[in-house]
């Protein structure tokens, strides 16, 4: 009888785990759908030592407000860096995990490039992204900086 109860408990545990895993995957898919169809603008980059100095307001003041844009569809992410357009397929992994595959971009010469964030550095940040979150309506992409320290790309839709 005790083996029977142990078996029942094990089966219930497996069933519960499978059910909650499915619910989590559905919640993750629903949450990720909120990213699609929007134009996300890079607002700032946070690191352990604070912000990097990049700011959307400074970019707009220098008439470069259409740089560092990100959009998602069901298979690809892309947008505009500084000044080139780019795209990449992405893979979602578990709860809020995401990674970008090879980033392809146009090769226009830059007559005007932001001082606080060079285009290649932006691509390097994207290449290191491991997860995403929506925090107070902002998209946060968790990545690493050039020294390998944790960094967060913070995007907004305004």
Protein backbone atom coordinates (compact mmCIF):
# COMPACT_ATOMS: atom_id res chain seq x y z
CA UNK A 1 0.00 0.00 0.00
CA UNK A 2 2.78 2.47 0.75
CA UNK A 3 4.34 1.87 -2.70
CA UNK A 4 0.93 2.62 -4.22
CA UNK A 5 0.73 5.93 -2.31
CA UNK A 6 4.27 6.84 -3.30
CA UNK A 7 3.44 6.14 -6.94
CA UNK A 8 0.26 8.24 -6.72
CA UNK A 9 2.17 11.11 -5.10
CA UNK A 10 4.86 10.94 -7.81
CA UNK A 11 2.25 10.92 -10.61
CA UNK A 12 0.46 13.90 -9.01
CA UNK A 13 3.75 15.77 -8.71
CA UNK A 14 4.58 15.14 -12.38
CA UNK A 15 1.09 16.19 -13.43
CA UNK A 16 1.24 19.38 -11.35
CA UNK A 17 4.66 20.27 -12.75
CA UNK A 18 3.49 19.70 -16.31
CA UNK A 19 0.39 21.83 -15.78
CA UNK A 20 2.23 24.74 -14.22
CA UNK A 21 4.94 24.56 -16.88
CA UNK A 22 2.31 24.82 -19.59
CA UNK A 23 0.65 27.77 -17.88
CA UNK A 24 4.00 29.50 -17.55
CA UNK A 25 4.76 28.95 -21.23
CA UNK A 26 1.34 30.38 -22.16
CA UNK A 27 1.89 33.41 -19.90
CA UNK A 28 5.34 33.91 -21.42
CA UNK A 29 3.90 33.73 -24.95
CA UNK A 30 1.16 36.21 -24.02
CA UNK A 31 3.74 38.53 -22.44
CA UNK A 32 6.03 38.32 -25.46
CA UNK A 33 3.12 39.13 -27.78
CA UNK A 34 3.00 42.53 -26.05
CA UNK A 35 6.44 43.29 -27.53
CA UNK A 36 5.34 42.65 -31.10
CA UNK A 37 3.93 45.33 -33.35
CA UNK A 38 5.47 48.17 -31.35
CA UNK A 39 8.39 50.46 -32.02
CA UNK A 40 10.80 50.28 -29.10
CA UNK A 41 13.25 53.16 -28.71
CA UNK A 42 16.41 52.72 -26.68
CA UNK A 43 16.13 55.09 -23.70
CA UNK A 44 19.24 54.26 -21.71
CA UNK A 45 21.78 51.57 -20.87
CA UNK A 46 22.19 50.59 -17.23
CA UNK A 47 25.28 48.87 -15.87
CA UNK A 48 26.36 47.91 -12.37
CA UNK A 49 28.24 51.19 -12.13
CA UNK A 50 25.21 53.21 -13.29
CA UNK A 51 24.05 54.56 -16.63
CA UNK A 52 26.54 54.65 -19.50
CA UNK A 53 25.82 58.24 -20.47
CA UNK A 54 23.63 57.32 -23.43
CA UNK A 55 20.25 59.06 -23.33
CA UNK A 56 17.35 59.30 -25.74
CA UNK A 57 16.85 63.02 -24.99
CA UNK A 58 20.44 63.81 -25.99
CA UNK A 59 20.01 61.77 -29.17
CA UNK A 60 16.85 63.68 -30.06
CA UNK A 61 18.51 67.03 -29.29
CA UNK A 62 21.21 66.11 -31.82
CA UNK A 63 18.50 65.31 -34.45
CA UNK A 64 19.17 61.55 -34.27
CA UNK A 65 15.90 60.52 -32.63
CA UNK A 66 15.23 57.80 -35.20
CA UNK A 67 18.37 55.86 -34.19
CA UNK A 68 18.40 52.77 -31.96
CA UNK A 69 14.94 51.47 -32.73
CA UNK A 70 13.84 47.84 -32.20
CA UNK A 71 10.76 46.03 -33.48
CA UNK A 72 9.64 42.39 -33.19
CA UNK A 73 7.47 40.24 -35.40
CA UNK A 74 6.82 36.54 -34.92
CA UNK A 75 10.21 35.46 -36.32
CA UNK A 76 12.54 38.44 -36.54
CA UNK A 77 13.67 41.51 -34.70
CA UNK A 78 15.07 44.55 -36.39
CA UNK A 79 15.09 48.27 -36.66
CA UNK A 80 17.52 51.07 -37.10
CA UNK A 81 20.87 51.54 -35.43
CA UNK A 82 23.05 54.58 -36.28
CA UNK A 83 22.40 54.96 -39.25
CA UNK A 84 21.98 51.43 -40.63
CA UNK A 85 18.92 49.22 -40.65
CA UNK A 86 19.39 45.77 -39.13
CA UNK A 87 17.52 42.52 -38.59
CA UNK A 88 18.08 39.17 -36.93
CA UNK A 89 16.09 36.08 -36.17
CA UNK A 90 15.68 35.40 -32.49
CA UNK A 91 15.13 32.38 -30.30
CA UNK A 92 13.04 32.37 -27.18
CA UNK A 93 14.24 30.06 -24.44
CA UNK A 94 12.09 29.21 -21.43
CA UNK A 95 10.65 31.94 -19.26
CA UNK A 96 11.75 35.26 -20.73
CA UNK A 97 14.91 33.88 -22.30
CA UNK A 98 15.82 35.35 -25.69
CA UNK A 99 18.86 35.46 -27.90
CA UNK A 100 19.48 37.05 -31.25
CA UNK A 101 21.10 35.16 -34.08
CA UNK A 102 23.58 36.82 -36.44
CA UNK A 103 22.62 40.44 -36.97
CA UNK A 104 22.49 41.54 -40.60
CA UNK A 105 22.60 45.22 -41.44
CA UNK A 106 22.97 47.67 -44.26
CA UNK A 107 26.38 49.27 -44.72
CA UNK A 108 25.71 52.99 -45.14
CA UNK A 109 28.49 55.31 -44.14
CA UNK A 110 27.70 57.30 -41.05
CA UNK A 111 28.01 61.05 -41.48
CA UNK A 112 26.68 61.58 -38.01
CA UNK A 113 27.08 59.03 -35.22
CA UNK A 114 26.17 59.43 -31.55
CA UNK A 115 29.21 59.87 -29.33
CA UNK A 116 27.74 57.94 -26.41
CA UNK A 117 26.89 54.76 -28.31
CA UNK A 118 28.57 53.66 -31.53
CA UNK A 119 26.59 51.44 -33.86
CA UNK A 120 28.91 48.44 -33.45
CA UNK A 121 28.65 48.68 -29.66
CA UNK A 122 24.84 48.55 -29.97
CA UNK A 123 25.13 45.41 -32.11
CA UNK A 124 27.54 43.93 -29.56
CA UNK A 125 25.02 44.54 -26.78
CA UNK A 126 22.25 42.86 -28.81
CA UNK A 127 24.47 39.88 -29.58
CA UNK A 128 24.90 39.23 -25.83
CA UNK A 129 21.20 39.45 -24.83
CA UNK A 130 20.04 36.49 -22.73
CA UNK A 131 16.60 37.50 -21.41
CA UNK A 132 13.89 40.13 -21.54
CA UNK A 133 11.34 41.65 -19.17
CA UNK A 134 8.57 44.21 -19.28
CA UNK A 135 9.01 46.53 -16.31
CA UNK A 136 6.51 49.36 -15.87
CA UNK A 137 5.78 49.38 -19.61
CA UNK A 138 9.46 49.40 -20.57
CA UNK A 139 11.27 46.60 -22.36
CA UNK A 140 14.46 45.55 -20.65
CA UNK A 141 16.98 43.39 -22.49
CA UNK A 142 19.59 41.86 -20.19
CA UNK A 143 23.03 41.66 -21.73
CA UNK A 144 26.72 42.27 -21.03
CA UNK A 145 28.91 45.29 -21.67
CA UNK A 146 32.28 45.23 -23.43
CA UNK A 147 34.03 44.21 -20.19
CA UNK A 148 31.64 41.30 -19.66
CA UNK A 149 29.72 42.99 -16.86
CA UNK A 150 25.92 42.82 -16.70
CA UNK A 151 24.06 45.58 -18.50
CA UNK A 152 20.43 46.34 -19.30
CA UNK A 153 19.15 47.97 -22.49
CA UNK A 154 16.01 49.90 -21.51
CA UNK A 155 13.52 50.60 -24.32
CA UNK A 156 10.29 52.58 -24.28
CA UNK A 157 7.55 53.16 -26.81
CA UNK A 158 7.18 56.92 -26.43
